Amino acid sequence: MTKYALIFKSNAAFDWTTLPPEDAEKAAAAWGNWIASMGSAVRASDAFKFGGRSVSEKGTTAADNLLIGYVLIEVENFDEAEKLAEGAPSVATGQGSIEVYEILPTTH
């Protein structure tokens, strides 16, 4: 089994906390259902709070806020990880994409 990161990327910066409560609940349910559909492959998942910062050698600036969350999964191969990513709500609605990365084994 190999670990993969599925990184959620929005097409435009948007603060999800500004949605009306019923819309926020609907969006949270869609994401929750998708993550639950991956079953035991899921190792961790979270959404990012709007208002991130970007740090570089030039200093710190406001992030573009296009990255909105992640899921860490463990599956047999890249094709399986990619197939799971295709079911994400943002992919289905055209509101964003999922970037899939294999996680390199490291020692800490």
C-alpha atoms as a PDB file:
ATOM      1  CA  MET A   1       0.000   0.000   0.000  1.00  0.00           C
ATOM      2  CA  THR A   2       1.165   3.504  -0.831  1.00  0.00           C
ATOM      3  CA  LYS A   3       0.215   6.830   0.744  1.00  0.00           C
ATOM      4  CA  TYR A   4      -1.162   9.687  -1.364  1.00  0.00           C
ATOM      5  CA  ALA A   5      -2.207  13.256  -0.647  1.00  0.00           C
ATOM      6  CA  LEU A   6      -5.308  14.558  -2.371  1.00  0.00           C
ATOM      7  CA  ILE A   7      -5.073  18.356  -2.264  1.00  0.00           C
ATOM      8  CA  PHE A   8      -8.293  20.303  -2.883  1.00  0.00           C
ATOM      9  CA  LYS A   9      -7.827  23.342  -5.118  1.00  0.00           C
ATOM     10  CA  SER A  10     -10.600  25.862  -5.810  1.00  0.00           C
ATOM     11  CA  ASN A  11     -10.898  27.754  -9.109  1.00  0.00           C
ATOM     12  CA  ALA A  12     -11.278  31.010  -7.184  1.00  0.00           C
ATOM     13  CA  ALA A  13     -10.557  32.228  -3.667  1.00  0.00           C
ATOM     14  CA  PHE A  14     -13.689  31.966  -1.547  1.00  0.00           C
ATOM     15  CA  ASP A  15     -14.244  32.085   2.197  1.00  0.00           C
ATOM     16  CA  TRP A  16     -16.546  29.121   2.820  1.00  0.00           C
ATOM     17  CA  THR A  17     -17.422  30.428   6.287  1.00  0.00           C
ATOM     18  CA  THR A  18     -19.398  33.261   4.659  1.00  0.00           C
ATOM     19  CA  LEU A  19     -21.965  30.865   3.187  1.00  0.00           C
ATOM     20  CA  PRO A  20     -25.473  30.880   4.629  1.00  0.00           C
ATOM     21  CA  PRO A  21     -25.728  28.079   7.237  1.00  0.00           C
ATOM     22  CA  GLU A  22     -27.914  25.833   5.073  1.00  0.00           C
ATOM     23  CA  ASP A  23     -25.483  26.112   2.125  1.00  0.00           C
ATOM     24  CA  ALA A  24     -22.492  25.466   4.400  1.00  0.00           C
ATOM     25  CA  GLU A  25     -24.209  22.358   5.810  1.00  0.00           C
ATOM     26  CA  LYS A  26     -24.981  21.101   2.298  1.00  0.00           C
ATOM     27  CA  ALA A  27     -21.362  21.622   1.174  1.00  0.00           C
ATOM     28  CA  ALA A  28     -19.978  19.999   4.338  1.00  0.00           C
ATOM     29  CA  ALA A  29     -22.286  17.011   3.838  1.00  0.00           C
ATOM     30  CA  ALA A  30     -21.156  16.571   0.213  1.00  0.00           C
ATOM     31  CA  TRP A  31     -17.484  16.620   1.218  1.00  0.00           C
ATOM     32  CA  GLY A  32     -18.134  14.385   4.213  1.00  0.00           C
ATOM     33  CA  ASN A  33     -20.003  11.852   2.087  1.00  0.00           C
ATOM     34  CA  TRP A  34     -17.200  11.768  -0.492  1.00  0.00           C
ATOM     35  CA  ILE A  35     -14.541  11.267   2.186  1.00  0.00           C
ATOM     36  CA  ALA A  36     -16.659   8.567   3.866  1.00  0.00           C
ATOM     37  CA  SER A  37     -17.059   6.821   0.499  1.00  0.00           C
ATOM     38  CA  MET A  38     -13.311   6.122   0.499  1.00  0.00           C
ATOM     39  CA  GLY A  39     -13.721   4.029   3.643  1.00  0.00           C
ATOM     40  CA  SER A  40     -10.624   2.572   5.224  1.00  0.00           C
ATOM     41  CA  ALA A  41      -8.313   4.181   2.624  1.00  0.00           C
ATOM     42  CA  VAL A  42      -8.608   7.515   4.482  1.00  0.00           C
ATOM     43  CA  ARG A  43      -5.832   8.254   6.978  1.00  0.00           C
ATOM     44  CA  ALA A  44      -6.583  11.952   7.679  1.00  0.00           C
ATOM     45  CA  SER A  45      -8.546  14.876   6.245  1.00  0.00           C
ATOM     46  CA  ASP A  46      -9.168  18.520   7.002  1.00  0.00           C
ATOM     47  CA  ALA A  47     -10.212  21.778   5.391  1.00  0.00           C
ATOM     48  CA  PHE A  48      -8.043  24.881   5.421  1.00  0.00           C
ATOM     49  CA  LYS A  49      -9.274  28.096   7.020  1.00  0.00           C
ATOM     50  CA  PHE A  50      -9.457  31.036   4.600  1.00  0.00           C
ATOM     51  CA  GLY A  51      -6.762  33.661   5.100  1.00  0.00           C
ATOM     52  CA  GLY A  52      -3.532  31.694   4.747  1.00  0.00           C
ATOM     53  CA  ARG A  53      -0.108  33.255   4.389  1.00  0.00           C
ATOM     54  CA  SER A  54       2.623  32.557   1.852  1.00  0.00           C
ATOM     55  CA  VAL A  55       6.193  32.599   3.136  1.00  0.00           C
ATOM     56  CA  SER A  56       9.190  32.954   0.789  1.00  0.00           C
ATOM     57  CA  GLU A  57      12.662  34.428   0.742  1.00  0.00           C
ATOM     58  CA  LYS A  58      10.971  37.754  -0.100  1.00  0.00           C
ATOM     59  CA  GLY A  59       8.900  37.722   3.083  1.00  0.00           C
ATOM     60  CA  THR A  60       5.314  36.896   3.957  1.00  0.00           C
ATOM     61  CA  THR A  61       2.249  37.820   1.905  1.00  0.00           C
ATOM     62  CA  ALA A  62      -1.401  36.841   1.786  1.00  0.00           C
ATOM     63  CA  ALA A  63      -1.893  33.412   0.210  1.00  0.00           C
ATOM     64  CA  ASP A  64      -4.032  33.083  -2.899  1.00  0.00           C
ATOM     65  CA  ASN A  65      -6.446  30.917  -0.839  1.00  0.00           C
ATOM     66  CA  LEU A  66      -6.986  28.466  -3.694  1.00  0.00           C
ATOM     67  CA  LEU A  67      -5.932  25.467  -1.583  1.00  0.00           C
ATOM     68  CA  ILE A  68      -8.930  24.488   0.501  1.00  0.00           C
ATOM     69  CA  GLY A  69      -8.121  21.159   2.140  1.00  0.00           C
ATOM     70  CA  TYR A  70      -6.682  17.682   1.865  1.00  0.00           C
ATOM     71  CA  VAL A  71      -7.232  13.969   2.361  1.00  0.00           C
ATOM     72  CA  LEU A  72      -4.422  11.534   3.057  1.00  0.00           C
ATOM     73  CA  ILE A  73      -5.187   8.072   1.738  1.00  0.00           C
ATOM     74  CA  GLU A  74      -3.437   4.742   1.497  1.00  0.00           C
ATOM     75  CA  VAL A  75      -4.216   2.644  -1.589  1.00  0.00           C
ATOM     76  CA  GLU A  76      -2.531   0.172  -3.941  1.00  0.00           C
ATOM     77  CA  ASN A  77      -1.415   2.560  -6.708  1.00  0.00           C
ATOM     78  CA  PHE A  78      -1.596   6.003  -8.289  1.00  0.00           C
ATOM     79  CA  ASP A  79      -4.465   5.003 -10.590  1.00  0.00           C
ATOM     80  CA  GLU A  80      -6.596   4.049  -7.582  1.00  0.00           C
ATOM     81  CA  ALA A  81      -5.773   7.353  -5.857  1.00  0.00           C
ATOM     82  CA  GLU A  82      -6.663   9.277  -9.000  1.00  0.00           C
ATOM     83  CA  LYS A  83      -9.944   7.382  -9.363  1.00  0.00           C
ATOM     84  CA  LEU A  84     -10.922   8.292  -5.790  1.00  0.00           C
ATOM     85  CA  ALA A  85     -10.090  11.961  -6.472  1.00  0.00           C
ATOM     86  CA  GLU A  86     -12.487  12.005  -9.417  1.00  0.00           C
ATOM     87  CA  GLY A  87     -15.420  11.702  -7.011  1.00  0.00           C
ATOM     88  CA  ALA A  88     -14.690  14.945  -5.142  1.00  0.00           C
ATOM     89  CA  PRO A  89     -17.551  17.464  -4.996  1.00  0.00           C
ATOM     90  CA  SER A  90     -15.442  20.259  -6.504  1.00  0.00           C
ATOM     91  CA  VAL A  91     -14.527  18.071  -9.473  1.00  0.00           C
ATOM     92  CA  ALA A  92     -18.145  17.043 -10.070  1.00  0.00           C
ATOM     93  CA  THR A  93     -19.391  20.653  -9.969  1.00  0.00           C
ATOM     94  CA  GLY A  94     -16.479  22.186 -11.884  1.00  0.00           C
ATOM     95  CA  GLN A  95     -15.616  24.464  -8.952  1.00  0.00           C
ATOM     96  CA  GLY A  96     -12.098  23.151  -8.566  1.00  0.00           C
ATOM     97  CA  SER A  97      -9.693  20.296  -8.929  1.00  0.00           C
ATOM     98  CA  ILE A  98      -7.887  17.707  -6.861  1.00  0.00           C
ATOM     99  CA  GLU A  99      -4.120  17.409  -7.100  1.00  0.00           C
ATOM    100  CA  VAL A 100      -2.846  13.900  -6.376  1.00  0.00           C
ATOM    101  CA  TYR A 101       0.653  13.340  -4.995  1.00  0.00           C
ATOM    102  CA  GLU A 102       2.355  10.166  -3.902  1.00  0.00           C
ATOM    103  CA  ILE A 103       3.906  10.636  -0.474  1.00  0.00           C
ATOM    104  CA  LEU A 104       7.554   9.658  -0.342  1.00  0.00           C
ATOM    105  CA  PRO A 105       8.490   7.384   2.536  1.00  0.00           C
ATOM    106  CA  THR A 106      10.702   9.279   4.973  1.00  0.00           C
ATOM    107  CA  THR A 107      12.260   8.666   8.347  1.00  0.00           C
ATOM    108  CA  HIS A 108      11.655  11.176  11.105  1.00  0.00           C
END
